[in-house]
Each structure stands twice: as structure tokens, then as C-alpha cells.
Amino acid sequence: MRLDGVLFFPITPFASDGRLDEEALRQHVERGVSHGAGGVFAACGTGEFNALGLDEYERVVRISVEATAGRVPVFSGAGGSLPFARSCAEAASRAGADGLLLLPPYLVSAPAEGLVNYFHEVTTATDLPAIVYQRGNARFTPASAVELARLPNVMGFKDGLGDLDLLQRIILAVRQATDREFTFFNGLPTAEMTVLAYRGMGVSLYSSAVFCFVPEVALGFHKAVTAGDDELVRRLLGEFYRPLVELRDLMPGYAVALVKAGVTLRGLAAGPVRPPLLDAAPEHVARLERLIARGLEIVGC
């Protein structure tokens, strides 16, 4: 199954007592797929991978697979310490995931060669295809990206740094070194803000946190970009996405907390975030509600 269109990164709902809300998760994933998501990425950054125990992680992946019912591919996160990352990969395989999004190793800074070794060790835990996420303490050189692309189970590279010069050199190096199918992704927060720049380098796939809570706007933006509707793209960027980014940047962790608040505003109780994140302040939730209304107005919903 191929990834296409807008990629959906579900939140992980928690009940008021802090436990995983399995029914809310099921509804959330079902709604997203029904709206037209091109792929589901469960238990990743937006899904608070960092806050899940291994048992919870496996349940999140299994529920996401069941709710998706084979309509689109389901990838799940794996990262942290090497033993934990390998355990996540094994759990994802048991739960029926179609692939993995490999997140950075825990905390430590390491040379690119060591990162390649880390991701090699994780990918040997299962036969699942994997996408490597460049962000934080996982930063690659063009030469090390080529080594990644040569790992049998690695099928893609997701960029969360935003260093376009580096990414262009990585793309060129990988394309010149191998003729195998290898996909690049835009993985910046609120990726719609940089979609036009990434598309200029041939990178069309991107994560959309906005799809979690206002899929109408995310899909409207994607359609406008692909159809060349520059005026609608400009309006959505200026009147919805830019104010959303400014709101997101008011507090560390709002890339998750605001998305959860948005899901709740749209009628599905997402519950709180887990520490160390903080829930969005009431005044910021009110601003988000106005932004949602404005975005829906722009796309005619």
C-alpha cells in the first residue's frame, strides 16, 4: 500500500483518570480515515509516543489498525533507547502495522555513523518497512543518508529540521546512489507552512496535525496546493495557518496540546496531555476555536 494525500497523525486520547481512552481513539481514527486521510501514523509525536508504556503503545497501534480496516496504511512510532525501540517495532508488527516511523534515540547526541547503526538495529527487529525521522538529535549527512537508504527495510526519510540546503544535498545524494524507490517527507510542525518550499524540491508528502481537528481545512489546503489555486493557498496560510503557528509557539508542547484541544472542540473528548506537557490555557483554546471557525469559513464549510 502506498502513502498518498494528507497524512494523519492521530492524537492519543486519555480519560479523566489518565488511562488510555480506547473508544475515543477508535472514533478519532475512524473519522480521520473516513474524511480521506492518505495514511495513519499512530503513536507518533502528536500521539504522545514519549508518554506511552509499551502495553499502551501496542493497544494504540492495534486499535488504529482495526479502525482503519485496511483502507490506508498504518505506520507507528518507534524510538528511544535501543531495546525499547526494538520492542516497539515488535509490538507494532504483532498489532498489524504496515510500517514504522523511526524516531530519534533517547537524549544522547551521536555521530551520523552511530545513528545509522541505531536505525539498522531497530529495523532488524521486524520485516516492517520504516521511515527515518530526521529531527532533534538525529541529524544526517548526505553520505549517512545514503547508508540509511541502503538498509533493506528503510523506505523513506522524513525531515523535521527545515534545513533546506542540507535536505537538497541529501535528496541528490540518495537519488544518485540508488535507483530503489525511496520517499522523502516534510515533517516540520504545522508542515503546511513549508509545503510550497518542499514541493519545490520534489517533496510532496507531509504530516498534517491540523487534519486531526479540522480535516476540512487540511484537505482544502491540500487540494488548493495540488490544483494550483494560489489565492486559496495564500488566504489559508495568512488567515489560518500563520495565526495557528503563532498560537502554537506561545508554549512548548502546544504542538500536541493545541491539537488535543482542537479535537475536543470538534466534538470528541481527547482528554488531557500527559506530563511533562501542559494542557492549553482557556484563553488559548478560545483563540483556537475562533481560528477553526475562520478556517472553515475560508474553505466554505
Protein backbone atom coordinates (compact mmCIF):
# COMPACT_ATOMS: atom_id res chain seq x y z
CA MET A 1 0.00 0.00 0.00
CA ARG A 2 1.32 3.44 -0.94
CA LEU A 3 1.13 6.62 1.12
CA ASP A 4 -0.64 9.47 -0.63
CA GLY A 5 -2.50 12.70 0.05
CA VAL A 6 -2.72 14.14 3.55
CA LEU A 7 -1.04 12.03 6.23
CA PHE A 8 -2.99 11.75 9.50
CA PHE A 9 -1.14 11.71 12.84
CA PRO A 10 -3.84 10.90 15.44
CA ILE A 11 -3.69 12.14 18.99
CA THR A 12 -3.86 9.56 21.79
CA PRO A 13 -6.96 10.30 23.89
CA PHE A 14 -6.80 9.83 27.64
CA ALA A 15 -9.71 9.61 30.07
CA SER A 16 -10.07 11.94 33.05
CA ASP A 17 -8.26 9.37 35.24
CA GLY A 18 -5.29 9.40 32.85
CA ARG A 19 -5.89 6.00 31.29
CA LEU A 20 -5.95 5.34 27.57
CA ASP A 21 -9.43 6.06 26.18
CA GLU A 22 -9.71 3.26 23.66
CA GLU A 23 -13.18 4.11 22.36
CA ALA A 24 -12.28 7.75 21.76
CA LEU A 25 -9.14 6.64 19.90
CA ARG A 26 -11.17 4.27 17.74
CA GLN A 27 -13.64 7.03 16.84
CA HIS A 28 -10.83 9.51 16.18
CA VAL A 29 -9.05 7.20 13.74
CA GLU A 30 -12.29 6.10 12.04
CA ARG A 31 -13.31 9.73 11.49
CA GLY A 32 -9.92 10.66 10.09
CA VAL A 33 -9.85 7.80 7.62
CA SER A 34 -13.46 8.48 6.61
CA HIS A 35 -12.52 12.09 5.87
CA GLY A 36 -9.92 10.89 3.37
CA ALA A 37 -6.56 10.53 5.13
CA GLY A 38 -3.87 9.07 2.90
CA GLY A 39 -2.18 7.23 5.75
CA VAL A 40 -2.40 6.87 9.55
CA PHE A 41 0.66 7.39 11.78
CA ALA A 42 -0.33 6.14 15.24
CA ALA A 43 1.59 6.65 18.49
CA CYS A 44 3.99 9.16 16.96
CA GLY A 45 4.81 12.71 18.10
CA THR A 46 1.25 14.07 18.00
CA GLY A 47 0.14 10.81 19.61
CA GLU A 48 2.42 11.35 22.65
CA PHE A 49 4.68 8.38 21.90
CA ASN A 50 7.02 9.70 24.60
CA ALA A 51 4.31 9.27 27.26
CA LEU A 52 3.15 5.73 26.44
CA GLY A 53 4.10 2.49 28.13
CA LEU A 54 4.81 -0.48 25.86
CA ASP A 55 1.46 -2.13 26.60
CA GLU A 56 -0.40 1.11 25.86
CA TYR A 57 1.62 1.57 22.71
CA GLU A 58 0.64 -1.83 21.37
CA ARG A 59 -3.03 -1.18 22.15
CA VAL A 60 -2.90 2.18 20.38
CA VAL A 61 -1.43 0.57 17.27
CA ARG A 62 -3.85 -2.36 17.33
CA ILE A 63 -6.90 -0.11 17.72
CA SER A 64 -5.65 2.15 14.92
CA VAL A 65 -5.19 -0.84 12.62
CA GLU A 66 -8.65 -2.15 13.45
CA ALA A 67 -10.29 1.25 12.96
CA THR A 68 -8.51 1.79 9.65
CA ALA A 69 -9.69 -1.63 8.43
CA GLY A 70 -7.16 -1.83 5.61
CA ARG A 71 -8.32 1.33 3.84
CA VAL A 72 -4.94 3.08 4.12
CA PRO A 73 -1.52 2.11 5.53
CA VAL A 74 -0.91 2.37 9.28
CA PHE A 75 2.58 3.31 10.48
CA SER A 76 3.57 3.65 14.14
CA GLY A 77 6.39 5.31 16.02
CA ALA A 78 9.46 3.57 17.41
CA GLY A 79 12.33 5.27 19.18
CA GLY A 80 14.05 5.96 22.47
CA SER A 81 16.57 3.53 23.91
CA LEU A 82 17.57 0.77 21.52
CA PRO A 83 15.88 -2.07 23.48
CA PHE A 84 12.67 -0.05 23.81
CA ALA A 85 12.68 0.91 20.13
CA ARG A 86 13.12 -2.73 19.12
CA SER A 87 10.30 -3.73 21.49
CA CYS A 88 8.06 -1.11 19.88
CA ALA A 89 8.88 -2.47 16.43
CA GLU A 90 8.00 -5.98 17.56
CA ALA A 91 4.77 -4.77 19.20
CA ALA A 92 3.80 -2.86 16.05
CA SER A 93 4.30 -5.99 13.98
CA ARG A 94 2.13 -8.04 16.35
CA ALA A 95 -0.55 -5.35 16.21
CA GLY A 96 -0.71 -5.43 12.42
CA ALA A 97 1.02 -2.16 11.49
CA ASP A 98 2.15 -1.71 7.90
CA GLY A 99 5.33 0.16 8.80
CA LEU A 100 7.32 2.20 11.30
CA LEU A 101 8.27 5.83 11.73
CA LEU A 102 11.67 5.67 13.42
CA LEU A 103 12.06 8.46 15.97
CA PRO A 104 15.39 9.69 17.39
CA PRO A 105 17.22 7.73 20.09
CA TYR A 106 16.83 8.94 23.63
CA LEU A 107 18.58 12.20 24.54
CA VAL A 108 22.15 11.39 23.52
CA SER A 109 23.96 13.15 20.70
CA ALA A 110 25.71 10.77 18.35
CA PRO A 111 27.69 10.86 15.11
CA ALA A 112 25.82 10.09 11.91
CA GLU A 113 27.52 6.68 11.65
CA GLY A 114 26.20 5.76 15.08
CA LEU A 115 22.69 6.84 14.09
CA VAL A 116 22.83 4.60 11.04
CA ASN A 117 23.85 1.70 13.30
CA TYR A 118 20.98 2.51 15.69
CA PHE A 119 18.34 2.50 12.94
CA HIS A 120 19.86 -0.65 11.45
CA GLU A 121 19.44 -2.41 14.81
CA VAL A 122 15.81 -1.25 15.12
CA THR A 123 14.86 -2.30 11.60
CA THR A 124 16.26 -5.80 12.06
CA ALA A 125 13.70 -6.44 14.83
CA THR A 126 10.94 -6.97 12.23
CA ASP A 127 10.31 -7.10 8.49
CA LEU A 128 8.27 -3.87 8.58
CA PRO A 129 9.28 -1.08 6.19
CA ALA A 130 10.48 2.03 8.00
CA ILE A 131 10.73 5.78 7.56
CA VAL A 132 13.59 7.51 9.42
CA TYR A 133 12.71 10.84 11.06
CA GLN A 134 15.48 13.45 10.95
CA ARG A 135 14.91 15.85 13.83
CA GLY A 136 16.27 16.78 17.23
CA ASN A 137 19.38 14.75 17.95
CA ALA A 138 19.04 12.66 14.77
CA ARG A 139 20.75 14.69 12.06
CA PHE A 140 22.30 13.10 8.98
CA THR A 141 24.91 13.98 6.40
CA PRO A 142 24.31 13.20 2.74
CA ALA A 143 26.72 10.26 2.99
CA SER A 144 24.99 8.79 6.06
CA ALA A 145 21.56 9.29 4.44
CA VAL A 146 22.81 7.16 1.56
CA GLU A 147 23.77 4.45 4.07
CA LEU A 148 20.26 4.66 5.54
CA ALA A 149 18.72 4.32 2.10
CA ARG A 150 20.72 1.14 1.57
CA LEU A 151 19.27 -0.53 4.67
CA PRO A 152 16.83 -3.17 3.36
CA ASN A 153 13.81 -2.11 5.41
CA VAL A 154 14.23 1.67 5.22
CA MET A 155 11.91 3.07 2.55
CA GLY A 156 11.76 6.77 3.39
CA PHE A 157 13.23 9.81 5.08
CA LYS A 158 11.17 12.40 6.95
CA ASP A 159 12.74 15.80 7.54
CA GLY A 160 11.92 17.71 10.70
CA LEU A 161 14.90 20.08 10.69
CA GLY A 162 13.91 22.51 7.95
CA ASP A 163 17.49 22.92 6.72
CA LEU A 164 16.59 23.02 3.03
CA ASP A 165 20.18 23.19 1.82
CA LEU A 166 21.06 20.03 3.75
CA LEU A 167 17.88 18.27 2.64
CA GLN A 168 18.51 19.10 -1.01
CA ARG A 169 22.01 17.65 -0.75
CA ILE A 170 20.61 14.53 0.94
CA ILE A 171 17.99 14.06 -1.78
CA LEU A 172 20.57 14.46 -4.54
CA ALA A 173 23.00 12.05 -2.87
CA VAL A 174 20.35 9.36 -2.32
CA ARG A 175 18.95 9.66 -5.85
CA GLN A 176 22.43 9.40 -7.34
CA ALA A 177 23.49 6.47 -5.15
CA THR A 178 20.48 4.17 -5.57
CA ASP A 179 17.68 3.56 -8.03
CA ARG A 180 15.41 1.89 -5.47
CA GLU A 181 12.11 3.52 -4.58
CA PHE A 182 12.75 5.89 -1.68
CA THR A 183 10.31 8.53 -0.42
CA PHE A 184 11.00 11.88 1.25
CA PHE A 185 8.56 13.60 3.62
CA ASN A 186 8.12 17.07 5.09
CA GLY A 187 7.92 16.53 8.86
CA LEU A 188 8.07 20.08 10.21
CA PRO A 189 5.48 21.17 12.79
CA THR A 190 2.44 22.65 11.03
CA ALA A 191 4.00 21.45 7.81
CA GLU A 192 1.55 23.35 5.62
CA MET A 193 3.61 26.49 6.25
CA THR A 194 6.53 24.98 4.32
CA VAL A 195 4.70 22.80 1.80
CA LEU A 196 5.45 25.11 -1.11
CA ALA A 197 9.18 25.17 -0.36
CA TYR A 198 9.38 21.38 0.00
CA ARG A 199 7.36 20.78 -3.16
CA GLY A 200 9.97 22.84 -4.99
CA MET A 201 12.46 20.08 -4.15
CA GLY A 202 10.05 17.34 -5.18
CA VAL A 203 8.90 16.50 -1.62
CA SER A 204 5.10 16.41 -1.76
CA LEU A 205 4.14 14.22 1.22
CA TYR A 206 3.78 15.89 4.60
CA SER A 207 2.41 15.42 8.12
CA SER A 208 -0.74 17.33 8.98
CA ALA A 209 -1.55 17.84 12.65
CA VAL A 210 -4.36 20.16 11.53
CA PHE A 211 -6.07 17.16 9.94
CA CYS A 212 -6.64 15.80 13.47
CA PHE A 213 -9.11 18.51 14.40
CA VAL A 214 -10.18 20.31 11.24
CA PRO A 215 -9.75 17.90 8.33
CA GLU A 216 -11.90 20.10 6.12
CA VAL A 217 -9.25 22.82 6.22
CA ALA A 218 -6.33 20.40 5.83
CA LEU A 219 -7.93 18.77 2.81
CA GLY A 220 -8.98 22.12 1.36
CA PHE A 221 -5.40 23.35 1.62
CA HIS A 222 -4.01 20.18 0.03
CA LYS A 223 -6.48 20.40 -2.83
CA ALA A 224 -5.65 24.07 -3.40
CA VAL A 225 -1.91 23.35 -3.48
CA THR A 226 -2.20 20.43 -5.89
CA ALA A 227 -4.66 22.31 -8.14
CA GLY A 228 -2.56 25.47 -8.24
CA ASP A 229 -5.20 27.61 -6.53
CA ASP A 230 -2.68 30.18 -5.32
CA GLU A 231 -5.28 32.58 -3.96
CA LEU A 232 -6.85 29.99 -1.64
CA VAL A 233 -3.42 28.81 -0.55
CA ARG A 234 -2.45 32.39 0.27
CA ARG A 235 -5.65 33.01 2.26
CA LEU A 236 -5.33 29.82 4.28
CA LEU A 237 -1.67 30.45 5.04
CA GLY A 238 -2.27 34.07 6.05
CA GLU A 239 -5.57 33.81 7.89
CA PHE A 240 -5.46 30.32 9.40
CA TYR A 241 -2.04 28.65 9.42
CA ARG A 242 0.12 31.66 10.32
CA PRO A 243 -2.06 32.62 13.33
CA LEU A 244 -2.13 28.96 14.35
CA VAL A 245 1.67 28.78 14.32
CA GLU A 246 1.87 31.98 16.37
CA LEU A 247 -0.53 30.45 18.91
CA ARG A 248 1.39 27.15 18.91
CA ASP A 249 4.65 28.94 19.65
CA LEU A 250 3.34 30.56 22.83
CA MET A 251 4.11 27.45 24.89
CA PRO A 252 6.46 24.46 24.45
CA GLY A 253 4.37 21.37 23.83
CA TYR A 254 1.46 23.22 22.23
CA ALA A 255 2.13 21.27 19.00
CA VAL A 256 0.34 18.47 20.87
CA ALA A 257 -1.78 20.26 23.48
CA LEU A 258 -3.49 22.58 20.99
CA VAL A 259 -4.26 19.68 18.68
CA LYS A 260 -5.91 17.82 21.55
CA ALA A 261 -7.87 20.93 22.44
CA GLY A 262 -8.98 21.20 18.82
CA VAL A 263 -10.16 17.58 18.74
CA THR A 264 -12.25 18.25 21.84
CA LEU A 265 -13.65 21.46 20.35
CA ARG A 266 -14.82 19.46 17.33
CA GLY A 267 -16.86 17.11 19.48
CA LEU A 268 -14.63 14.23 20.58
CA ALA A 269 -13.24 14.34 24.12
CA ALA A 270 -9.47 13.98 23.72
CA GLY A 271 -8.68 14.31 27.40
CA PRO A 272 -5.55 15.85 28.90
CA VAL A 273 -1.95 15.64 27.78
CA ARG A 274 0.45 13.75 29.99
CA PRO A 275 3.35 15.37 31.86
CA PRO A 276 5.70 16.97 31.09
CA LEU A 277 3.30 18.69 28.66
CA LEU A 278 0.65 21.13 29.87
CA ASP A 279 -2.90 21.48 28.61
CA ALA A 280 -3.70 24.58 26.59
CA ALA A 281 -4.80 27.59 28.64
CA PRO A 282 -8.51 28.52 28.36
CA GLU A 283 -7.78 31.81 26.61
CA HIS A 284 -5.66 29.97 24.05
CA VAL A 285 -8.39 27.40 23.48
CA ALA A 286 -10.79 30.29 22.83
CA ARG A 287 -8.38 31.68 20.22
CA LEU A 288 -8.12 28.24 18.64
CA GLU A 289 -11.90 28.00 18.43
CA ARG A 290 -12.04 31.29 16.53
CA LEU A 291 -9.29 30.09 14.19
CA ILE A 292 -11.17 26.88 13.46
CA ALA A 293 -14.26 28.87 12.58
CA ARG A 294 -12.24 31.13 10.30
CA GLY A 295 -10.57 28.21 8.55
CA LEU A 296 -13.91 26.51 7.93
CA GLU A 297 -15.32 29.76 6.59
CA ILE A 298 -12.44 30.15 4.11
CA VAL A 299 -12.89 26.64 2.68
CA GLY A 300 -16.66 27.05 2.56
CA CYS A 301 -17.69 24.62 5.29
